[in-house]
Amino acid sequence: MPQVIIYAAAGRTEEQQHKLLKKITEAVVESYDVPAEIVTVQIVEAPGHLKAKGGIRFCDR
């Protein structure tokens, strides 16, 4: 059972999240030749003050 976990900074809309979940599921189905029903995709979000890149918090960008 393929499982994909996406780590991201919080702030995307529910519509954007749904689109991403769907597109990644479709990519796994096409690449692995498996039914969509067995593909699990999860988005794990962190608030901007708890995520940094290059030492700069996302909320400070």
N, C-alpha and C. Protein backbone atom coordinates (compact mmCIF):
# COMPACT_ATOMS: atom_id res chain seq x y z
N MET A 1 0.85 -1.17 0.00
CA MET A 1 0.00 0.00 0.00
C MET A 1 0.90 1.24 0.00
N PRO A 2 0.96 1.99 -1.08
CA PRO A 2 1.78 3.19 -1.13
C PRO A 2 1.24 4.27 -0.19
N GLN A 3 2.16 4.93 0.51
CA GLN A 3 1.79 6.02 1.38
C GLN A 3 2.75 7.18 1.12
N VAL A 4 2.18 8.38 0.94
CA VAL A 4 2.97 9.58 0.69
C VAL A 4 2.64 10.59 1.79
N ILE A 5 3.67 11.15 2.40
CA ILE A 5 3.48 12.16 3.44
C ILE A 5 4.14 13.45 2.96
N ILE A 6 3.37 14.54 3.00
CA ILE A 6 3.85 15.84 2.56
C ILE A 6 3.98 16.74 3.79
N TYR A 7 5.15 17.28 4.01
CA TYR A 7 5.35 18.23 5.10
C TYR A 7 5.34 19.63 4.50
N ALA A 8 4.54 20.52 5.08
CA ALA A 8 4.40 21.86 4.51
C ALA A 8 4.10 22.88 5.60
N ALA A 9 4.42 24.13 5.29
CA ALA A 9 4.02 25.23 6.17
C ALA A 9 2.51 25.42 6.01
N ALA A 10 1.85 25.71 7.11
CA ALA A 10 0.41 25.94 7.08
C ALA A 10 0.10 27.21 6.27
N GLY A 11 -1.13 27.25 5.76
CA GLY A 11 -1.55 28.48 5.07
C GLY A 11 -2.25 28.26 3.75
N ARG A 12 -2.25 27.06 3.24
CA ARG A 12 -2.96 26.79 1.98
C ARG A 12 -4.44 26.62 2.26
N THR A 13 -5.25 26.89 1.24
CA THR A 13 -6.69 26.72 1.40
C THR A 13 -7.05 25.24 1.33
N GLU A 14 -8.24 24.92 1.81
CA GLU A 14 -8.71 23.54 1.74
C GLU A 14 -8.81 23.08 0.29
N GLU A 15 -9.19 23.97 -0.59
CA GLU A 15 -9.28 23.63 -2.03
C GLU A 15 -7.89 23.29 -2.58
N GLN A 16 -6.88 24.04 -2.21
CA GLN A 16 -5.51 23.77 -2.66
C GLN A 16 -5.03 22.43 -2.11
N GLN A 17 -5.32 22.17 -0.86
CA GLN A 17 -4.92 20.90 -0.25
C GLN A 17 -5.60 19.73 -0.95
N HIS A 18 -6.88 19.86 -1.22
CA HIS A 18 -7.62 18.79 -1.89
C HIS A 18 -7.03 18.52 -3.27
N LYS A 19 -6.72 19.59 -4.00
CA LYS A 19 -6.13 19.45 -5.34
C LYS A 19 -4.80 18.70 -5.27
N LEU A 20 -3.97 19.05 -4.29
CA LEU A 20 -2.68 18.38 -4.13
C LEU A 20 -2.86 16.90 -3.80
N LEU A 21 -3.77 16.59 -2.87
CA LEU A 21 -4.03 15.19 -2.51
C LEU A 21 -4.46 14.38 -3.73
N LYS A 22 -5.34 14.97 -4.53
CA LYS A 22 -5.84 14.28 -5.73
C LYS A 22 -4.73 14.07 -6.76
N LYS A 23 -3.94 15.12 -7.03
CA LYS A 23 -2.88 15.02 -8.04
C LYS A 23 -1.80 14.02 -7.63
N ILE A 24 -1.44 13.99 -6.37
CA ILE A 24 -0.42 13.04 -5.91
C ILE A 24 -0.96 11.62 -5.99
N THR A 25 -2.22 11.43 -5.61
CA THR A 25 -2.84 10.11 -5.74
C THR A 25 -2.79 9.65 -7.19
N GLU A 26 -3.16 10.54 -8.11
CA GLU A 26 -3.15 10.19 -9.54
C GLU A 26 -1.75 9.83 -10.01
N ALA A 27 -0.74 10.55 -9.53
CA ALA A 27 0.65 10.26 -9.92
C ALA A 27 1.09 8.89 -9.43
N VAL A 28 0.72 8.55 -8.20
CA VAL A 28 1.09 7.23 -7.65
C VAL A 28 0.36 6.13 -8.42
N VAL A 29 -0.90 6.32 -8.69
CA VAL A 29 -1.68 5.33 -9.45
C VAL A 29 -1.02 5.08 -10.81
N GLU A 30 -0.67 6.16 -11.50
CA GLU A 30 -0.07 6.03 -12.83
C GLU A 30 1.34 5.41 -12.75
N SER A 31 2.13 5.84 -11.80
CA SER A 31 3.52 5.39 -11.71
C SER A 31 3.66 3.96 -11.21
N TYR A 32 2.83 3.60 -10.22
CA TYR A 32 2.93 2.28 -9.60
C TYR A 32 1.94 1.27 -10.16
N ASP A 33 1.04 1.74 -11.02
CA ASP A 33 0.01 0.87 -11.61
C ASP A 33 -0.79 0.15 -10.52
N VAL A 34 -1.32 0.95 -9.59
CA VAL A 34 -2.13 0.43 -8.49
C VAL A 34 -3.47 1.17 -8.47
N PRO A 35 -4.50 0.59 -7.84
CA PRO A 35 -5.78 1.29 -7.74
C PRO A 35 -5.70 2.45 -6.73
N ALA A 36 -6.43 3.51 -6.99
CA ALA A 36 -6.43 4.68 -6.11
C ALA A 36 -6.86 4.33 -4.69
N GLU A 37 -7.68 3.32 -4.55
CA GLU A 37 -8.22 2.94 -3.23
C GLU A 37 -7.15 2.51 -2.24
N ILE A 38 -5.98 2.11 -2.72
CA ILE A 38 -4.94 1.67 -1.79
C ILE A 38 -3.87 2.74 -1.54
N VAL A 39 -4.00 3.88 -2.19
CA VAL A 39 -3.02 4.96 -2.03
C VAL A 39 -3.44 5.88 -0.88
N THR A 40 -2.53 6.11 0.06
CA THR A 40 -2.77 7.03 1.16
C THR A 40 -1.86 8.23 1.00
N VAL A 41 -2.45 9.42 1.07
CA VAL A 41 -1.68 10.67 0.99
C VAL A 41 -2.06 11.51 2.20
N GLN A 42 -1.08 12.04 2.89
CA GLN A 42 -1.34 12.85 4.08
C GLN A 42 -0.52 14.13 4.02
N ILE A 43 -1.15 15.24 4.39
CA ILE A 43 -0.45 16.52 4.51
C ILE A 43 -0.26 16.80 5.99
N VAL A 44 0.98 17.04 6.38
CA VAL A 44 1.31 17.40 7.75
C VAL A 44 1.76 18.86 7.72
N GLU A 45 0.99 19.72 8.36
CA GLU A 45 1.28 21.15 8.32
C GLU A 45 1.86 21.64 9.64
N ALA A 46 2.76 22.59 9.53
CA ALA A 46 3.34 23.25 10.70
C ALA A 46 3.06 24.74 10.60
N PRO A 47 2.71 25.38 11.71
CA PRO A 47 2.52 26.83 11.68
C PRO A 47 3.83 27.52 11.29
N GLY A 48 3.72 28.68 10.66
CA GLY A 48 4.89 29.41 10.17
C GLY A 48 5.91 29.75 11.22
N HIS A 49 5.50 29.90 12.48
CA HIS A 49 6.47 30.23 13.53
C HIS A 49 7.24 29.01 14.01
N LEU A 50 6.84 27.81 13.56
CA LEU A 50 7.54 26.58 13.95
C LEU A 50 8.31 25.94 12.80
N LYS A 51 8.40 26.64 11.67
CA LYS A 51 9.09 26.09 10.50
C LYS A 51 10.03 27.18 9.97
N ALA A 52 11.27 26.79 9.67
CA ALA A 52 12.25 27.76 9.18
C ALA A 52 13.05 27.19 8.04
N LYS A 53 13.53 28.07 7.19
CA LYS A 53 14.43 27.68 6.11
C LYS A 53 15.60 28.66 6.15
N GLY A 54 16.80 28.15 6.21
CA GLY A 54 17.97 29.02 6.31
C GLY A 54 17.98 29.83 7.60
N GLY A 55 17.32 29.30 8.63
CA GLY A 55 17.29 29.98 9.92
C GLY A 55 16.24 31.09 10.02
N ILE A 56 15.48 31.31 8.94
CA ILE A 56 14.44 32.35 8.94
C ILE A 56 13.09 31.68 9.00
N ARG A 57 12.32 32.00 10.04
CA ARG A 57 10.99 31.40 10.18
C ARG A 57 10.11 31.80 9.00
N PHE A 58 9.21 30.92 8.63
CA PHE A 58 8.31 31.18 7.51
C PHE A 58 7.43 32.39 7.78
N CYS A 59 7.04 32.61 9.02
CA CYS A 59 6.19 33.76 9.33
C CYS A 59 6.95 35.08 9.23
N ASP A 60 8.28 35.04 9.19
CA ASP A 60 9.08 36.26 9.09
C ASP A 60 9.50 36.57 7.65
N ARG A 61 9.10 35.76 6.74
CA ARG A 61 9.49 35.96 5.32
C ARG A 61 8.60 36.96 4.66
